[in-house]
Each structure stands twice: as structure tokens, then as C-alpha cells.
Amino acid sequence: MQEETINFRCGFAAIVGRPNVGKSTLMNRILGQKISITSRKPQTTRHRILGIKSTEACQAIYVDTPGLHNKDNKAMNRYLNQAATTALKDVDVVLFVISGLKWTEEDETVLERLKNSNAPVILVVNQIDRLQKESLLPHLEKLSSLMKFHTIVPLSAKTGDNVENLEQEVERLLPFSPPYFPDDQITDRSMRFIAAEIVREKLTRQLGQELPYELTVEIEAYETEHDLVTIHALIWVARPGQKAIVIGKGGHGLKKVGQQARQDLEKILEQKVLLKLWVKVKEGWSADERALRSLGYTED
């Protein structure tokens, strides 16, 4: 047992970057299972979520984070930045994810924060499946001059191309330590949390550009009986007019969200799911510190 501990590595790898660069897609790809929700809209991820990848020689604990951004004028924006910044504390390696050939002011903001990192930083250039090799190589050379990265790993989180190489780099940087979690545990989050996130993902994908940031989902009941899981989910919106938009004409919008979320949940749980959705108004919740705390938006 002692020899096994000596040869075993375990530690934390924070996945950081500006919004909408594929951080959650990358973690889901590494885990081989959907834990973090995804969409094309920025700031879909609102919480720090642990994804645990256990092998015979290593337990890598990936920390998915909200995208770091320059807007700090609302309580929700401050919460997202705080959640991402807090995740950088006491990790063993940082994965700084950027999107292909793009480099923005927000990428620069993340870079400045990472220059003081005590942990080695791996620069992850995502979405290489969209790039030509002749444009990628000079871009990588330019990126290497920005700071002293431990290494640069180009990959595609969507297709899985070169993700295994990134995992090997992470494993080499983790300290020798016994595992922190059982080898069959894949996240630190409860199924209630994941159910709420799945519903929010479907809403985010279906609705317009602004409304997804004005809503959140709360699980009021989660019950398992025999082979059936019954979930009651409450969708909070910030203004009365938004309630009608979420429900849709004749209830079609809410019905579609419920069907899509139920299908995802049944895949994850491998059980039949009865999902019931309601919509209520909590005016200004995303700009109210107390409302955020009451809805579970808290970070240590």
C-alpha cells in the first residue's frame, strides 16, 4: 500500500480562460461524460465544478470555472469573476484555454492574472480542427513569447484531437499523493445541481442573447422511487415579461426545454425521469447580492 501511494499522483488542475473558449467542453471530453453544461453563449458556466478523472496511476481533479471577463458592474458578473479567480488558489497546474487564432482584451486580462501564478501554466489552444496548419505554427510561436508557459498544447475539445497529450502533461505535473476521492466518483456536485444545470443549458440554447443571463434554475424536489426519478425544477426570471417568453406560445417553449433536459438526465442517470417545470418571477435577482446567495451563488 505504501509503494502504491509513492507511485500515485493526485492533484488539481484549474481550467481558466475568457468566456466561450470551450473550457466546459474540454472537461467533458476528458471525463468522457457530461458534467459541465455548454452552449455558444458566453458565461454559460456560473460555478466552479470539479471533474474527477481516475486511472491506475493518477487522479486528476479538473476545476471548470466561469469565464473571466472585464465587466464587473453587476453582482452576477462579480460573482463569476470571483469564482474563477478563487479556483486559481492552491492548484497544482493551470490550463489557460484560448480559442484558435483569436486573442482578445479578455485573453490579455487572464494572462496578466496568470503571470503571478505559483503553479505551472499550460497554454491550451482549442479548436484546431477549424485551423490550417500553416496558420497555426506561426501563431504558436507568437504565443510562446507572451509568458513562460510550461508548454503549449494545441487540441480540439470537440473532436478529442490531442486531448490525451494534454492529460499526460497534466499528470506529470501533479504531486505524488494518495487519491482524494473514490475512484468511481466523477464530480463533487450533487445530481440536484446537475439537474438544475441541464435545465438551464436547454433554456440558454433555446432563448435569445440576453434572457439566459436573467434566469436561473432551482430544484425544489428530487426523489427516487424504484426505477423512476421525479424532479421538480423552478425557473426564476427577473421580469414578468420574461415568464411568457420562457413558457412560449401555448407552453411550447417550456415543453421543448423539458423534453430535451429529460433526455439528457435519463442518459446520465440511466433511469426514467419525470421532470416538471415551473416559471416564477424574482425581480432583479441577478443584480442582488442577497438574492444570489439565496439561490446558491456562493463561493468560499
C-alpha atoms as a PDB file:
ATOM      1  CA  MET A   1       0.000   0.000   0.000  1.00  0.00           C
ATOM      2  CA  GLN A   2       2.813   2.382   0.825  1.00  0.00           C
ATOM      3  CA  GLU A   3       4.521   1.711  -2.513  1.00  0.00           C
ATOM      4  CA  GLU A   4       1.244   2.349  -4.337  1.00  0.00           C
ATOM      5  CA  THR A   5       0.972   5.753  -2.643  1.00  0.00           C
ATOM      6  CA  ILE A   6       4.539   6.663  -3.587  1.00  0.00           C
ATOM      7  CA  ASN A   7       3.877   5.938  -7.260  1.00  0.00           C
ATOM      8  CA  PHE A   8       0.427   7.530  -7.373  1.00  0.00           C
ATOM      9  CA  ARG A   9      -0.185  11.141  -8.387  1.00  0.00           C
ATOM     10  CA  CYS A  10      -3.127  13.283  -7.379  1.00  0.00           C
ATOM     11  CA  GLY A  11      -3.842  16.996  -7.618  1.00  0.00           C
ATOM     12  CA  PHE A  12      -5.883  19.858  -9.003  1.00  0.00           C
ATOM     13  CA  ALA A  13      -5.851  21.408 -12.480  1.00  0.00           C
ATOM     14  CA  ALA A  14      -7.785  24.670 -12.937  1.00  0.00           C
ATOM     15  CA  ILE A  15      -9.275  25.259 -16.384  1.00  0.00           C
ATOM     16  CA  VAL A  16      -9.425  29.019 -16.945  1.00  0.00           C
ATOM     17  CA  GLY A  17      -9.911  31.468 -19.784  1.00  0.00           C
ATOM     18  CA  ARG A  18     -12.247  34.123 -21.093  1.00  0.00           C
ATOM     19  CA  PRO A  19     -15.901  33.215 -21.757  1.00  0.00           C
ATOM     20  CA  ASN A  20     -16.810  30.872 -24.596  1.00  0.00           C
ATOM     21  CA  VAL A  21     -13.444  29.296 -25.406  1.00  0.00           C
ATOM     22  CA  GLY A  22     -14.535  25.691 -24.744  1.00  0.00           C
ATOM     23  CA  LYS A  23     -13.484  25.123 -21.128  1.00  0.00           C
ATOM     24  CA  SER A  24     -16.547  23.066 -20.231  1.00  0.00           C
ATOM     25  CA  THR A  25     -16.399  21.117 -23.484  1.00  0.00           C
ATOM     26  CA  LEU A  26     -12.781  20.263 -22.699  1.00  0.00           C
ATOM     27  CA  MET A  27     -13.597  18.964 -19.215  1.00  0.00           C
ATOM     28  CA  ASN A  28     -16.499  16.892 -20.514  1.00  0.00           C
ATOM     29  CA  ARG A  29     -14.222  15.426 -23.176  1.00  0.00           C
ATOM     30  CA  ILE A  30     -11.568  14.476 -20.602  1.00  0.00           C
ATOM     31  CA  LEU A  31     -14.145  12.863 -18.318  1.00  0.00           C
ATOM     32  CA  GLY A  32     -15.979  11.116 -21.134  1.00  0.00           C
ATOM     33  CA  GLN A  33     -19.227  12.298 -19.576  1.00  0.00           C
ATOM     34  CA  LYS A  34     -21.294  15.475 -19.459  1.00  0.00           C
ATOM     35  CA  ILE A  35     -20.738  17.256 -16.159  1.00  0.00           C
ATOM     36  CA  SER A  36     -20.460  20.905 -17.209  1.00  0.00           C
ATOM     37  CA  ILE A  37     -23.165  22.433 -19.384  1.00  0.00           C
ATOM     38  CA  THR A  38     -22.228  24.058 -22.673  1.00  0.00           C
ATOM     39  CA  SER A  39     -23.638  26.499 -25.200  1.00  0.00           C
ATOM     40  CA  ARG A  40     -22.393  29.002 -27.753  1.00  0.00           C
ATOM     41  CA  LYS A  41     -23.372  31.868 -25.476  1.00  0.00           C
ATOM     42  CA  PRO A  42     -20.661  33.350 -23.198  1.00  0.00           C
ATOM     43  CA  GLN A  43     -20.828  32.890 -19.418  1.00  0.00           C
ATOM     44  CA  THR A  44     -22.883  29.709 -19.565  1.00  0.00           C
ATOM     45  CA  THR A  45     -20.760  28.293 -16.738  1.00  0.00           C
ATOM     46  CA  ARG A  46     -21.573  30.056 -13.465  1.00  0.00           C
ATOM     47  CA  HIS A  47     -19.954  27.830 -10.819  1.00  0.00           C
ATOM     48  CA  ARG A  48     -16.707  26.089 -10.063  1.00  0.00           C
ATOM     49  CA  ILE A  49     -17.260  22.416 -10.826  1.00  0.00           C
ATOM     50  CA  LEU A  50     -14.835  19.577 -10.101  1.00  0.00           C
ATOM     51  CA  GLY A  51     -14.422  16.823 -12.675  1.00  0.00           C
ATOM     52  CA  ILE A  52     -12.503  13.820 -11.341  1.00  0.00           C
ATOM     53  CA  LYS A  53     -10.526  11.589 -13.736  1.00  0.00           C
ATOM     54  CA  SER A  54      -9.116   8.496 -12.015  1.00  0.00           C
ATOM     55  CA  THR A  55      -6.723   5.982 -13.549  1.00  0.00           C
ATOM     56  CA  GLU A  56      -4.489   3.299 -12.051  1.00  0.00           C
ATOM     57  CA  ALA A  57      -1.625   5.778 -11.658  1.00  0.00           C
ATOM     58  CA  CYS A  58      -3.297   9.137 -11.204  1.00  0.00           C
ATOM     59  CA  GLN A  59      -6.314  11.082 -10.037  1.00  0.00           C
ATOM     60  CA  ALA A  60      -6.528  14.416 -11.841  1.00  0.00           C
ATOM     61  CA  ILE A  61      -9.138  16.777 -10.409  1.00  0.00           C
ATOM     62  CA  TYR A  62     -10.111  19.329 -13.051  1.00  0.00           C
ATOM     63  CA  VAL A  63     -11.727  22.577 -11.908  1.00  0.00           C
ATOM     64  CA  ASP A  64     -14.052  24.049 -14.537  1.00  0.00           C
ATOM     65  CA  THR A  65     -14.581  27.778 -13.985  1.00  0.00           C
ATOM     66  CA  PRO A  66     -16.724  30.648 -15.266  1.00  0.00           C
ATOM     67  CA  GLY A  67     -15.065  32.727 -17.955  1.00  0.00           C
ATOM     68  CA  LEU A  68     -13.002  35.647 -16.683  1.00  0.00           C
ATOM     69  CA  HIS A  69     -14.226  38.902 -18.195  1.00  0.00           C
ATOM     70  CA  ASN A  70     -13.783  42.663 -17.899  1.00  0.00           C
ATOM     71  CA  LYS A  71     -17.363  43.555 -16.928  1.00  0.00           C
ATOM     72  CA  ASP A  72     -17.749  43.957 -13.176  1.00  0.00           C
ATOM     73  CA  ASN A  73     -20.783  46.218 -12.887  1.00  0.00           C
ATOM     74  CA  LYS A  74     -23.354  43.643 -11.704  1.00  0.00           C
ATOM     75  CA  ALA A  75     -23.471  41.286  -8.736  1.00  0.00           C
ATOM     76  CA  MET A  76     -23.582  38.278 -11.074  1.00  0.00           C
ATOM     77  CA  ASN A  77     -20.525  39.477 -13.018  1.00  0.00           C
ATOM     78  CA  ARG A  78     -18.592  39.989  -9.787  1.00  0.00           C
ATOM     79  CA  TYR A  79     -19.615  36.527  -8.633  1.00  0.00           C
ATOM     80  CA  LEU A  80     -18.411  34.909 -11.878  1.00  0.00           C
ATOM     81  CA  ASN A  81     -15.019  36.631 -11.721  1.00  0.00           C
ATOM     82  CA  GLN A  82     -14.631  35.752  -8.044  1.00  0.00           C
ATOM     83  CA  ALA A  83     -15.472  32.096  -8.700  1.00  0.00           C
ATOM     84  CA  ALA A  84     -12.876  31.894 -11.478  1.00  0.00           C
ATOM     85  CA  THR A  85     -10.177  33.734  -9.517  1.00  0.00           C
ATOM     86  CA  THR A  86     -10.728  31.641  -6.391  1.00  0.00           C
ATOM     87  CA  ALA A  87     -10.212  28.481  -8.429  1.00  0.00           C
ATOM     88  CA  LEU A  88      -6.613  29.530  -9.116  1.00  0.00           C
ATOM     89  CA  LYS A  89      -5.692  29.248  -5.449  1.00  0.00           C
ATOM     90  CA  ASP A  90      -3.865  26.114  -4.296  1.00  0.00           C
ATOM     91  CA  VAL A  91      -3.999  24.254  -7.614  1.00  0.00           C
ATOM     92  CA  ASP A  92      -1.087  22.242  -8.971  1.00  0.00           C
ATOM     93  CA  VAL A  93      -1.397  23.242 -12.617  1.00  0.00           C
ATOM     94  CA  VAL A  94      -3.359  25.815 -14.613  1.00  0.00           C
ATOM     95  CA  LEU A  95      -4.809  25.183 -18.072  1.00  0.00           C
ATOM     96  CA  PHE A  96      -5.200  28.526 -19.838  1.00  0.00           C
ATOM     97  CA  VAL A  97      -7.619  27.909 -22.696  1.00  0.00           C
ATOM     98  CA  ILE A  98      -7.839  30.199 -25.722  1.00  0.00           C
ATOM     99  CA  SER A  99      -9.825  29.873 -28.924  1.00  0.00           C
ATOM    100  CA  GLY A 100      -7.833  29.151 -32.076  1.00  0.00           C
ATOM    101  CA  LEU A 101      -6.175  32.201 -33.607  1.00  0.00           C
ATOM    102  CA  LYS A 102      -8.265  34.673 -31.598  1.00  0.00           C
ATOM    103  CA  TRP A 103      -6.624  36.884 -28.985  1.00  0.00           C
ATOM    104  CA  THR A 104      -8.790  39.477 -27.211  1.00  0.00           C
ATOM    105  CA  GLU A 105      -8.568  42.002 -24.392  1.00  0.00           C
ATOM    106  CA  GLU A 106     -10.148  39.442 -22.086  1.00  0.00           C
ATOM    107  CA  ASP A 107      -7.467  36.884 -23.041  1.00  0.00           C
ATOM    108  CA  GLU A 108      -4.920  39.556 -22.106  1.00  0.00           C
ATOM    109  CA  THR A 109      -6.694  40.073 -18.752  1.00  0.00           C
ATOM    110  CA  VAL A 110      -6.479  36.362 -17.970  1.00  0.00           C
ATOM    111  CA  LEU A 111      -2.817  36.304 -18.995  1.00  0.00           C
ATOM    112  CA  GLU A 112      -1.968  39.158 -16.614  1.00  0.00           C
ATOM    113  CA  ARG A 113      -3.607  37.315 -13.722  1.00  0.00           C
ATOM    114  CA  LEU A 114      -1.660  34.155 -14.528  1.00  0.00           C
ATOM    115  CA  LYS A 115       1.748  35.840 -14.638  1.00  0.00           C
ATOM    116  CA  ASN A 116       1.778  35.724 -10.823  1.00  0.00           C
ATOM    117  CA  SER A 117       0.647  32.107 -10.641  1.00  0.00           C
ATOM    118  CA  ASN A 118       2.667  29.825  -8.391  1.00  0.00           C
ATOM    119  CA  ALA A 119       1.512  26.825 -10.433  1.00  0.00           C
ATOM    120  CA  PRO A 120       2.853  25.937 -13.889  1.00  0.00           C
ATOM    121  CA  VAL A 121       0.619  27.195 -16.705  1.00  0.00           C
ATOM    122  CA  ILE A 122      -0.158  25.109 -19.781  1.00  0.00           C
ATOM    123  CA  LEU A 123      -1.485  27.160 -22.680  1.00  0.00           C
ATOM    124  CA  VAL A 124      -4.275  25.205 -24.400  1.00  0.00           C
ATOM    125  CA  VAL A 125      -5.041  26.348 -27.938  1.00  0.00           C
ATOM    126  CA  ASN A 126      -8.516  24.970 -28.596  1.00  0.00           C
ATOM    127  CA  GLN A 127     -10.462  24.479 -31.832  1.00  0.00           C
ATOM    128  CA  ILE A 128      -7.516  23.440 -34.008  1.00  0.00           C
ATOM    129  CA  ASP A 129     -10.000  21.419 -36.062  1.00  0.00           C
ATOM    130  CA  ARG A 130     -11.015  24.763 -37.601  1.00  0.00           C
ATOM    131  CA  LEU A 131      -7.471  25.862 -38.472  1.00  0.00           C
ATOM    132  CA  GLN A 132      -4.963  25.277 -41.241  1.00  0.00           C
ATOM    133  CA  LYS A 133      -1.572  24.009 -40.048  1.00  0.00           C
ATOM    134  CA  GLU A 134       0.284  26.741 -41.909  1.00  0.00           C
ATOM    135  CA  SER A 135      -1.558  29.391 -39.838  1.00  0.00           C
ATOM    136  CA  LEU A 136      -1.245  27.511 -36.551  1.00  0.00           C
ATOM    137  CA  LEU A 137       2.540  27.190 -36.335  1.00  0.00           C
ATOM    138  CA  PRO A 138       3.421  30.915 -36.522  1.00  0.00           C
ATOM    139  CA  HIS A 139       0.572  31.616 -34.091  1.00  0.00           C
ATOM    140  CA  LEU A 140       2.061  29.165 -31.569  1.00  0.00           C
ATOM    141  CA  GLU A 141       5.458  30.841 -31.900  1.00  0.00           C
ATOM    142  CA  LYS A 142       3.903  34.230 -31.175  1.00  0.00           C
ATOM    143  CA  LEU A 143       2.003  32.893 -28.169  1.00  0.00           C
ATOM    144  CA  SER A 144       5.146  31.357 -26.681  1.00  0.00           C
ATOM    145  CA  SER A 145       6.616  34.861 -26.280  1.00  0.00           C
ATOM    146  CA  LEU A 146       3.741  36.113 -24.103  1.00  0.00           C
ATOM    147  CA  MET A 147       4.981  34.443 -20.907  1.00  0.00           C
ATOM    148  CA  LYS A 148       6.925  31.427 -19.757  1.00  0.00           C
ATOM    149  CA  PHE A 149       4.363  28.670 -20.256  1.00  0.00           C
ATOM    150  CA  HIS A 150       5.233  25.182 -19.086  1.00  0.00           C
ATOM    151  CA  THR A 151       4.156  24.022 -22.540  1.00  0.00           C
ATOM    152  CA  ILE A 152       1.650  24.829 -25.275  1.00  0.00           C
ATOM    153  CA  VAL A 153      -0.840  22.155 -26.307  1.00  0.00           C
ATOM    154  CA  PRO A 154      -2.965  22.689 -29.437  1.00  0.00           C
ATOM    155  CA  LEU A 155      -6.078  20.494 -29.417  1.00  0.00           C
ATOM    156  CA  SER A 156      -9.739  20.171 -30.275  1.00  0.00           C
ATOM    157  CA  ALA A 157     -12.037  19.636 -27.305  1.00  0.00           C
ATOM    158  CA  LYS A 158     -14.879  18.958 -29.746  1.00  0.00           C
ATOM    159  CA  THR A 159     -13.200  16.109 -31.641  1.00  0.00           C
ATOM    160  CA  GLY A 160     -10.786  14.969 -28.917  1.00  0.00           C
ATOM    161  CA  ASP A 161      -7.741  15.516 -31.121  1.00  0.00           C
ATOM    162  CA  ASN A 162      -4.592  15.751 -28.914  1.00  0.00           C
ATOM    163  CA  VAL A 163      -6.580  15.846 -25.644  1.00  0.00           C
ATOM    164  CA  GLU A 164      -4.777  12.722 -24.438  1.00  0.00           C
ATOM    165  CA  ASN A 165      -1.454  14.548 -24.805  1.00  0.00           C
ATOM    166  CA  LEU A 166      -2.778  17.321 -22.551  1.00  0.00           C
ATOM    167  CA  GLU A 167      -3.842  14.772 -19.937  1.00  0.00           C
ATOM    168  CA  GLN A 168      -0.340  13.276 -19.940  1.00  0.00           C
ATOM    169  CA  GLU A 169       1.199  16.722 -19.429  1.00  0.00           C
ATOM    170  CA  VAL A 170      -1.153  17.372 -16.507  1.00  0.00           C
ATOM    171  CA  GLU A 171      -0.373  14.019 -14.897  1.00  0.00           C
ATOM    172  CA  ARG A 172       3.371  14.689 -14.991  1.00  0.00           C
ATOM    173  CA  LEU A 173       2.861  17.959 -13.097  1.00  0.00           C
ATOM    174  CA  LEU A 174       0.694  16.573 -10.298  1.00  0.00           C
ATOM    175  CA  PRO A 175       2.345  15.734  -6.962  1.00  0.00           C
ATOM    176  CA  PHE A 176       2.752  12.238  -5.602  1.00  0.00           C
ATOM    177  CA  SER A 177      -0.210  11.763  -3.304  1.00  0.00           C
ATOM    178  CA  PRO A 178      -2.953   9.275  -2.475  1.00  0.00           C
ATOM    179  CA  PRO A 179      -6.310   9.985  -4.143  1.00  0.00           C
ATOM    180  CA  TYR A 180      -8.691  12.491  -2.575  1.00  0.00           C
ATOM    181  CA  PHE A 181     -11.864  10.882  -3.934  1.00  0.00           C
ATOM    182  CA  PRO A 182     -13.122   7.321  -4.512  1.00  0.00           C
ATOM    183  CA  ASP A 183     -12.061   6.078  -7.940  1.00  0.00           C
ATOM    184  CA  ASP A 184     -15.685   5.817  -9.129  1.00  0.00           C
ATOM    185  CA  GLN A 185     -16.580   9.423  -8.232  1.00  0.00           C
ATOM    186  CA  ILE A 186     -16.650  11.771 -11.228  1.00  0.00           C
ATOM    187  CA  THR A 187     -17.684  15.125  -9.688  1.00  0.00           C
ATOM    188  CA  ASP A 188     -18.160  16.890  -6.370  1.00  0.00           C
ATOM    189  CA  ARG A 189     -21.599  18.142  -7.369  1.00  0.00           C
ATOM    190  CA  SER A 190     -24.910  16.503  -6.480  1.00  0.00           C
ATOM    191  CA  MET A 191     -27.427  15.243  -9.012  1.00  0.00           C
ATOM    192  CA  ARG A 192     -29.757  18.043  -7.876  1.00  0.00           C
ATOM    193  CA  PHE A 193     -27.131  20.546  -9.012  1.00  0.00           C
ATOM    194  CA  ILE A 194     -26.524  18.747 -12.307  1.00  0.00           C
ATOM    195  CA  ALA A 195     -30.277  18.535 -12.975  1.00  0.00           C
ATOM    196  CA  ALA A 196     -30.637  22.301 -12.468  1.00  0.00           C
ATOM    197  CA  GLU A 197     -27.701  22.946 -14.783  1.00  0.00           C
ATOM    198  CA  ILE A 198     -29.079  20.667 -17.507  1.00  0.00           C
ATOM    199  CA  VAL A 199     -32.386  22.556 -17.469  1.00  0.00           C
ATOM    200  CA  ARG A 200     -30.525  25.891 -17.601  1.00  0.00           C
ATOM    201  CA  GLU A 201     -28.435  24.654 -20.537  1.00  0.00           C
ATOM    202  CA  LYS A 202     -31.555  23.895 -22.583  1.00  0.00           C
ATOM    203  CA  LEU A 203     -33.001  27.305 -21.739  1.00  0.00           C
ATOM    204  CA  THR A 204     -29.730  29.018 -22.683  1.00  0.00           C
ATOM    205  CA  ARG A 205     -29.594  27.280 -26.047  1.00  0.00           C
ATOM    206  CA  GLN A 206     -33.227  27.971 -26.876  1.00  0.00           C
ATOM    207  CA  LEU A 207     -33.619  31.596 -25.802  1.00  0.00           C
ATOM    208  CA  GLY A 208     -32.213  34.863 -27.195  1.00  0.00           C
ATOM    209  CA  GLN A 209     -28.945  36.564 -26.398  1.00  0.00           C
ATOM    210  CA  GLU A 210     -29.910  38.403 -23.195  1.00  0.00           C
ATOM    211  CA  LEU A 211     -32.589  36.351 -21.435  1.00  0.00           C
ATOM    212  CA  PRO A 212     -30.353  33.409 -20.408  1.00  0.00           C
ATOM    213  CA  TYR A 213     -28.408  35.761 -18.118  1.00  0.00           C
ATOM    214  CA  GLU A 214     -31.645  36.865 -16.448  1.00  0.00           C
ATOM    215  CA  LEU A 215     -32.725  33.394 -15.329  1.00  0.00           C
ATOM    216  CA  THR A 216     -31.638  30.626 -13.010  1.00  0.00           C
ATOM    217  CA  VAL A 217     -32.967  27.210 -12.024  1.00  0.00           C
ATOM    218  CA  GLU A 218     -33.709  25.846  -8.557  1.00  0.00           C
ATOM    219  CA  ILE A 219     -34.564  22.201  -7.823  1.00  0.00           C
ATOM    220  CA  GLU A 220     -37.476  22.081  -5.396  1.00  0.00           C
ATOM    221  CA  ALA A 221     -37.786  18.297  -5.207  1.00  0.00           C
ATOM    222  CA  TYR A 222     -35.631  15.346  -6.266  1.00  0.00           C
ATOM    223  CA  GLU A 223     -36.997  11.906  -5.428  1.00  0.00           C
ATOM    224  CA  THR A 224     -36.010   8.398  -6.491  1.00  0.00           C
ATOM    225  CA  GLU A 225     -38.504   5.549  -6.245  1.00  0.00           C
ATOM    226  CA  HIS A 226     -37.728   2.201  -7.822  1.00  0.00           C
ATOM    227  CA  ASP A 227     -36.665   2.961 -11.432  1.00  0.00           C
ATOM    228  CA  LEU A 228     -38.180   6.456 -11.603  1.00  0.00           C
ATOM    229  CA  VAL A 229     -36.539   9.781 -10.692  1.00  0.00           C
ATOM    230  CA  THR A 230     -39.014  12.633 -10.148  1.00  0.00           C
ATOM    231  CA  ILE A 231     -37.591  16.170 -10.396  1.00  0.00           C
ATOM    232  CA  HIS A 232     -39.432  19.435  -9.796  1.00  0.00           C
ATOM    233  CA  ALA A 233     -37.494  22.415 -11.196  1.00  0.00           C
ATOM    234  CA  LEU A 234     -38.334  26.072 -10.668  1.00  0.00           C
ATOM    235  CA  ILE A 235     -37.122  28.558 -13.301  1.00  0.00           C
ATOM    236  CA  TRP A 236     -36.606  32.070 -11.888  1.00  0.00           C
ATOM    237  CA  VAL A 237     -36.703  35.053 -14.249  1.00  0.00           C
ATOM    238  CA  ALA A 238     -36.029  38.713 -13.463  1.00  0.00           C
ATOM    239  CA  ARG A 239     -39.070  40.398 -15.024  1.00  0.00           C
ATOM    240  CA  PRO A 240     -42.724  39.469 -15.589  1.00  0.00           C
ATOM    241  CA  GLY A 241     -42.439  39.753 -19.388  1.00  0.00           C
ATOM    242  CA  GLN A 242     -39.712  37.106 -19.405  1.00  0.00           C
ATOM    243  CA  LYS A 243     -42.024  34.486 -17.940  1.00  0.00           C
ATOM    244  CA  ALA A 244     -44.169  34.434 -21.087  1.00  0.00           C
ATOM    245  CA  ILE A 245     -41.065  34.182 -23.277  1.00  0.00           C
ATOM    246  CA  VAL A 246     -39.768  31.136 -21.374  1.00  0.00           C
ATOM    247  CA  ILE A 247     -43.147  29.404 -21.432  1.00  0.00           C
ATOM    248  CA  GLY A 248     -43.665  30.159 -25.117  1.00  0.00           C
ATOM    249  CA  LYS A 249     -46.847  30.172 -27.163  1.00  0.00           C
ATOM    250  CA  GLY A 250     -49.196  27.521 -25.840  1.00  0.00           C
ATOM    251  CA  GLY A 251     -46.463  26.326 -23.474  1.00  0.00           C
ATOM    252  CA  HIS A 252     -44.430  25.006 -26.416  1.00  0.00           C
ATOM    253  CA  GLY A 253     -41.122  26.586 -25.313  1.00  0.00           C
ATOM    254  CA  LEU A 254     -41.218  25.153 -21.804  1.00  0.00           C
ATOM    255  CA  LYS A 255     -42.343  21.770 -23.115  1.00  0.00           C
ATOM    256  CA  LYS A 256     -39.376  21.619 -25.515  1.00  0.00           C
ATOM    257  CA  VAL A 257     -36.920  22.522 -22.735  1.00  0.00           C
ATOM    258  CA  GLY A 258     -38.434  19.832 -20.525  1.00  0.00           C
ATOM    259  CA  GLN A 259     -38.186  17.150 -23.205  1.00  0.00           C
ATOM    260  CA  GLN A 260     -34.549  17.932 -24.032  1.00  0.00           C
ATOM    261  CA  ALA A 261     -33.496  18.142 -20.375  1.00  0.00           C
ATOM    262  CA  ARG A 262     -35.276  14.893 -19.534  1.00  0.00           C
ATOM    263  CA  GLN A 263     -33.489  13.055 -22.354  1.00  0.00           C
ATOM    264  CA  ASP A 264     -30.075  14.233 -21.110  1.00  0.00           C
ATOM    265  CA  LEU A 265     -30.894  13.354 -17.500  1.00  0.00           C
ATOM    266  CA  GLU A 266     -32.041   9.859 -18.444  1.00  0.00           C
ATOM    267  CA  LYS A 267     -28.721   9.271 -20.231  1.00  0.00           C
ATOM    268  CA  ILE A 268     -26.755  10.399 -17.183  1.00  0.00           C
ATOM    269  CA  LEU A 269     -28.877   8.565 -14.608  1.00  0.00           C
ATOM    270  CA  GLU A 270     -29.690   5.519 -16.754  1.00  0.00           C
ATOM    271  CA  GLN A 271     -33.199   5.708 -15.295  1.00  0.00           C
ATOM    272  CA  LYS A 272     -36.589   7.036 -16.337  1.00  0.00           C
ATOM    273  CA  VAL A 273     -37.078  10.675 -15.339  1.00  0.00           C
ATOM    274  CA  LEU A 274     -40.291  12.591 -14.656  1.00  0.00           C
ATOM    275  CA  LEU A 275     -39.361  16.277 -14.955  1.00  0.00           C
ATOM    276  CA  LYS A 276     -41.818  19.015 -14.027  1.00  0.00           C
ATOM    277  CA  LEU A 277     -41.007  22.687 -14.711  1.00  0.00           C
ATOM    278  CA  TRP A 278     -42.489  25.924 -13.361  1.00  0.00           C
ATOM    279  CA  VAL A 279     -41.576  29.563 -14.054  1.00  0.00           C
ATOM    280  CA  LYS A 280     -41.692  32.335 -11.436  1.00  0.00           C
ATOM    281  CA  VAL A 281     -40.516  35.948 -11.235  1.00  0.00           C
ATOM    282  CA  LYS A 282     -37.884  37.203  -8.764  1.00  0.00           C
ATOM    283  CA  GLU A 283     -37.312  40.760  -9.906  1.00  0.00           C
ATOM    284  CA  GLY A 284     -33.685  41.860 -10.198  1.00  0.00           C
ATOM    285  CA  TRP A 285     -32.284  38.657  -8.712  1.00  0.00           C
ATOM    286  CA  SER A 286     -29.056  38.709 -10.782  1.00  0.00           C
ATOM    287  CA  ALA A 287     -28.137  42.201  -9.509  1.00  0.00           C
ATOM    288  CA  ASP A 288     -28.972  41.484  -5.853  1.00  0.00           C
ATOM    289  CA  GLU A 289     -26.235  40.024  -3.643  1.00  0.00           C
ATOM    290  CA  ARG A 290     -28.740  38.575  -1.163  1.00  0.00           C
ATOM    291  CA  ALA A 291     -30.868  37.048  -3.910  1.00  0.00           C
ATOM    292  CA  LEU A 292     -27.768  35.428  -5.415  1.00  0.00           C
ATOM    293  CA  ARG A 293     -26.845  33.873  -2.069  1.00  0.00           C
ATOM    294  CA  SER A 294     -30.403  32.604  -1.547  1.00  0.00           C
ATOM    295  CA  LEU A 295     -30.236  30.869  -4.944  1.00  0.00           C
ATOM    296  CA  GLY A 296     -26.940  29.147  -4.167  1.00  0.00           C
ATOM    297  CA  TYR A 297     -24.465  31.569  -5.767  1.00  0.00           C
ATOM    298  CA  THR A 298     -21.833  31.454  -3.052  1.00  0.00           C
ATOM    299  CA  GLU A 299     -18.104  30.779  -3.178  1.00  0.00           C
ATOM    300  CA  ASP A 300     -15.656  30.133  -0.363  1.00  0.00           C
END
